[in-house]
N, C-alpha and C. Protein backbone atom coordinates (compact mmCIF):
# COMPACT_ATOMS: atom_id res chain seq x y z
N MET A 1 107.41 121.11 71.41
CA MET A 1 106.77 119.87 71.13
C MET A 1 106.18 119.23 72.69
N LYS A 2 104.66 119.27 73.14
CA LYS A 2 104.20 119.01 74.35
C LYS A 2 105.12 117.95 74.85
N ALA A 3 105.84 117.34 75.92
CA ALA A 3 106.13 116.31 76.11
C ALA A 3 104.67 115.05 75.89
N LYS A 4 104.56 114.48 76.20
CA LYS A 4 103.25 113.21 76.33
C LYS A 4 103.07 112.61 78.02
N SER A 5 102.33 112.43 78.89
CA SER A 5 102.02 111.79 79.47
C SER A 5 102.17 110.49 79.17
N ARG A 6 102.92 109.76 80.20
CA ARG A 6 102.53 108.30 80.30
C ARG A 6 101.75 107.89 80.88
N ASP A 7 100.40 107.98 80.54
CA ASP A 7 99.24 107.54 81.02
C ASP A 7 99.11 105.76 82.02
N TRP A 8 99.90 104.96 81.60
CA TRP A 8 99.68 103.39 81.39
C TRP A 8 100.74 103.76 82.68
N LEU A 9 101.76 104.31 82.87
CA LEU A 9 102.67 104.71 84.34
C LEU A 9 101.70 105.09 86.04
N ILE A 10 101.11 106.23 85.49
CA ILE A 10 100.30 106.44 86.55
C ILE A 10 99.40 105.68 86.33
N LYS A 11 98.39 104.98 85.97
CA LYS A 11 97.75 103.49 85.84
C LYS A 11 97.86 102.99 87.27
N LEU A 12 99.71 102.48 86.80
CA LEU A 12 100.18 100.99 87.60
C LEU A 12 100.24 102.09 89.09
N ARG A 13 101.16 103.21 88.64
CA ARG A 13 101.40 103.22 90.08
C ARG A 13 100.45 103.79 91.59
N GLY A 14 99.20 103.16 91.15
CA GLY A 14 97.74 102.76 91.67
C GLY A 14 97.85 104.16 92.17
N ASN A 15 97.87 104.65 94.11
CA ASN A 15 97.91 104.70 95.20
C ASN A 15 98.56 105.05 95.65
N LEU A 16 100.15 104.16 94.53
CA LEU A 16 101.55 105.14 95.46
C LEU A 16 102.04 106.39 95.17
N THR A 17 102.57 107.22 96.19
CA THR A 17 103.42 108.64 95.97
C THR A 17 104.04 108.96 94.31
N GLN A 18 104.36 109.51 93.78
CA GLN A 18 105.55 109.09 92.96
C GLN A 18 107.41 109.12 94.31
N GLN A 19 106.62 109.49 95.28
CA GLN A 19 108.03 109.56 95.59
C GLN A 19 108.06 108.20 96.37
N GLN A 20 106.85 107.37 96.42
CA GLN A 20 107.17 106.22 97.23
C GLN A 20 107.72 104.93 96.24
N VAL A 21 106.82 105.40 94.76
CA VAL A 21 107.74 104.67 93.31
C VAL A 21 109.50 104.60 93.81
N ALA A 22 109.57 106.08 93.60
CA ALA A 22 111.56 106.27 93.69
C ALA A 22 112.02 105.55 94.64
N ASP A 23 111.13 105.19 95.69
CA ASP A 23 112.39 105.36 96.75
C ASP A 23 112.16 103.68 96.61
N MET A 24 111.01 103.24 95.65
CA MET A 24 111.34 101.50 95.55
C MET A 24 111.99 101.68 94.46
N ALA A 25 112.19 102.09 93.50
CA ALA A 25 112.98 101.74 92.32
C ALA A 25 114.69 103.01 93.14
N ASN A 26 114.84 102.87 93.91
CA ASN A 26 116.28 103.55 93.92
C ASN A 26 116.51 105.07 93.26
N ILE A 27 115.75 105.32 93.26
CA ILE A 27 116.25 106.98 91.90
C ILE A 27 115.29 107.50 92.31
N SER A 28 116.10 109.22 92.00
CA SER A 28 115.42 110.39 92.98
C SER A 28 113.30 110.61 92.43
N ARG A 29 113.16 111.32 93.27
CA ARG A 29 111.48 111.36 93.29
C ARG A 29 111.82 112.29 91.45
N SER A 30 112.72 113.42 91.12
CA SER A 30 112.52 114.11 90.40
C SER A 30 112.48 113.03 89.33
N TYR A 31 113.54 112.59 88.80
CA TYR A 31 113.84 112.05 88.15
C TYR A 31 112.38 110.67 87.45
N TYR A 32 111.63 110.01 88.24
CA TYR A 32 110.82 109.71 87.72
C TYR A 32 109.24 110.60 87.63
N THR A 33 109.79 111.85 88.42
CA THR A 33 108.53 112.44 87.57
C THR A 33 108.24 112.65 86.16
N GLY A 34 109.66 113.09 85.52
CA GLY A 34 109.91 113.57 84.49
C GLY A 34 109.90 111.95 83.70
N ILE A 35 110.06 110.67 84.10
CA ILE A 35 109.49 110.24 83.04
C ILE A 35 108.06 109.74 82.96
N GLU A 36 107.62 110.10 84.42
CA GLU A 36 105.99 109.67 84.35
C GLU A 36 105.52 110.32 83.60
N THR A 37 105.75 112.15 83.69
CA THR A 37 104.85 112.81 82.80
C THR A 37 105.55 112.85 81.31
N GLY A 38 106.92 112.36 80.88
CA GLY A 38 107.05 112.26 79.67
C GLY A 38 108.29 113.00 79.24
N LEU A 39 109.02 113.76 80.00
CA LEU A 39 109.82 114.73 79.88
C LEU A 39 110.71 114.49 80.11
N ARG A 40 111.16 113.08 80.65
CA ARG A 40 112.40 112.27 80.54
C ARG A 40 112.69 110.81 79.98
N ASN A 41 113.49 110.65 79.41
CA ASN A 41 113.01 109.23 79.09
C ASN A 41 114.30 108.27 79.97
N ALA A 42 113.37 106.94 80.97
CA ALA A 42 114.16 105.83 81.31
C ALA A 42 114.93 105.72 80.33
N SER A 43 115.92 105.33 81.39
CA SER A 43 117.53 104.64 81.11
C SER A 43 117.34 102.85 81.80
N VAL A 44 118.56 101.93 80.97
CA VAL A 44 117.37 100.10 80.81
C VAL A 44 117.72 100.19 82.77
N SER A 45 118.27 100.94 83.38
CA SER A 45 118.21 100.60 84.97
C SER A 45 117.27 101.23 85.71
N ALA A 46 117.27 102.42 85.19
CA ALA A 46 115.61 103.17 85.58
C ALA A 46 113.91 101.99 85.13
N ALA A 47 114.17 101.99 84.07
CA ALA A 47 113.35 100.95 83.52
C ALA A 47 112.88 99.77 84.27
N LYS A 48 113.67 98.71 84.33
CA LYS A 48 114.08 97.85 85.29
C LYS A 48 113.77 97.43 87.13
N ALA A 49 114.01 99.31 87.39
CA ALA A 49 113.84 99.32 88.72
C ALA A 49 112.11 100.01 89.00
N ILE A 50 111.85 100.04 87.81
CA ILE A 50 110.87 100.81 87.88
C ILE A 50 110.04 99.51 87.60
N GLY A 51 110.28 99.04 86.67
CA GLY A 51 109.63 97.99 86.59
C GLY A 51 109.07 97.01 87.52
N GLN A 52 110.19 96.45 88.10
CA GLN A 52 110.20 95.16 89.44
C GLN A 52 109.24 95.93 91.19
N ALA A 53 109.42 97.48 91.08
CA ALA A 53 108.94 97.68 91.33
C ALA A 53 107.48 98.02 91.32
N LEU A 54 106.68 98.45 90.40
CA LEU A 54 105.10 98.52 89.74
C LEU A 54 104.58 96.99 88.65
N ASN A 55 105.67 96.18 89.22
CA ASN A 55 105.56 94.16 88.84
C ASN A 55 105.24 94.07 87.57
N PHE A 56 105.76 95.60 86.71
CA PHE A 56 105.58 95.03 84.46
C PHE A 56 106.79 94.80 84.15
N LYS A 57 106.54 94.27 82.86
CA LYS A 57 107.69 94.05 81.98
C LYS A 57 108.42 95.62 81.92
N TRP A 58 109.03 95.26 82.36
CA TRP A 58 110.26 97.02 81.78
C TRP A 58 110.63 97.50 80.55
N THR A 59 110.15 96.95 79.53
CA THR A 59 110.02 95.94 78.29
C THR A 59 109.22 98.42 77.71
N LYS A 60 108.20 97.93 78.35
CA LYS A 60 106.96 98.41 78.31
C LYS A 60 107.77 100.56 77.97
N PHE A 61 108.63 100.92 78.31
CA PHE A 61 108.74 102.36 78.28
C PHE A 61 109.03 102.06 77.06
N PHE A 62 110.92 100.86 76.02
CA PHE A 62 110.84 101.56 74.99
C PHE A 62 110.11 100.23 73.67
N GLU A 63 108.72 99.47 73.70
CA GLU A 63 107.30 99.66 73.15
C GLU A 63 107.16 100.37 73.15
N ASP A 64 106.75 101.85 73.69
CA ASP A 64 105.86 103.12 74.31
C ASP A 64 106.83 103.29 72.69
N GLU A 65 107.86 103.84 73.33
CA GLU A 65 108.71 104.85 71.94
C GLU A 65 108.76 104.21 70.68
N CYS A 66 108.73 102.95 70.28
CA CYS A 66 109.10 102.58 69.18
C CYS A 66 107.52 102.79 68.46
N HIS A 67 106.56 102.53 69.54
CA HIS A 67 104.97 103.10 68.70
C HIS A 67 104.74 104.61 67.89
N LYS A 68 105.65 105.20 69.01
CA LYS A 68 105.27 106.47 69.09
C LYS A 68 106.51 107.31 67.54
N THR A 69 107.39 106.98 67.42
CA THR A 69 108.38 106.71 66.53
C THR A 69 108.38 106.27 65.23
N HIS A 70 107.69 105.07 64.86
CA HIS A 70 107.53 103.44 63.41
C HIS A 70 105.52 104.65 63.54
N GLN A 71 106.46 104.98 62.23
CA GLN A 71 105.54 105.55 60.25
C GLN A 71 105.55 104.30 59.80
N PRO A 72 104.61 103.88 59.58
CA PRO A 72 104.34 102.46 58.47
C PRO A 72 104.95 104.10 56.73
N THR A 73 105.52 102.67 56.16
CA THR A 73 106.16 103.25 54.94
C THR A 73 104.61 103.12 53.67
N GLY A 74 104.23 101.34 53.79
CA GLY A 74 102.87 100.83 53.23
C GLY A 74 104.35 99.95 52.50
N THR A 75 105.85 100.00 52.77
CA THR A 75 106.51 99.40 51.77
C THR A 75 106.77 97.74 52.96
N GLU A 76 105.86 98.00 53.99
CA GLU A 76 106.10 96.80 54.61
C GLU A 76 106.00 95.13 54.49
N GLY A 77 106.81 93.95 54.39
CA GLY A 77 106.40 93.06 54.09
C GLY A 77 106.39 92.47 52.51
N ARG A 78 107.06 93.75 51.91
CA ARG A 78 107.33 93.57 50.92
C ARG A 78 108.38 92.60 50.61
């Protein structure tokens, strides 16, 4: 299965380099790159640090995961 890039994160990064964001979040560049490319999932602490560095709600990492894995069964709301 091919990893899905987090395009929304790349857009939020803007003109900053991956290294600059990693430094701001106090994580390694390779870890940040893995998160951005979808090869790694962010830990809660990394999500919070990246969210603070790029000024977005850190829970977006986990909302993204929920939307990808939730499959309606047709029985919701019954």
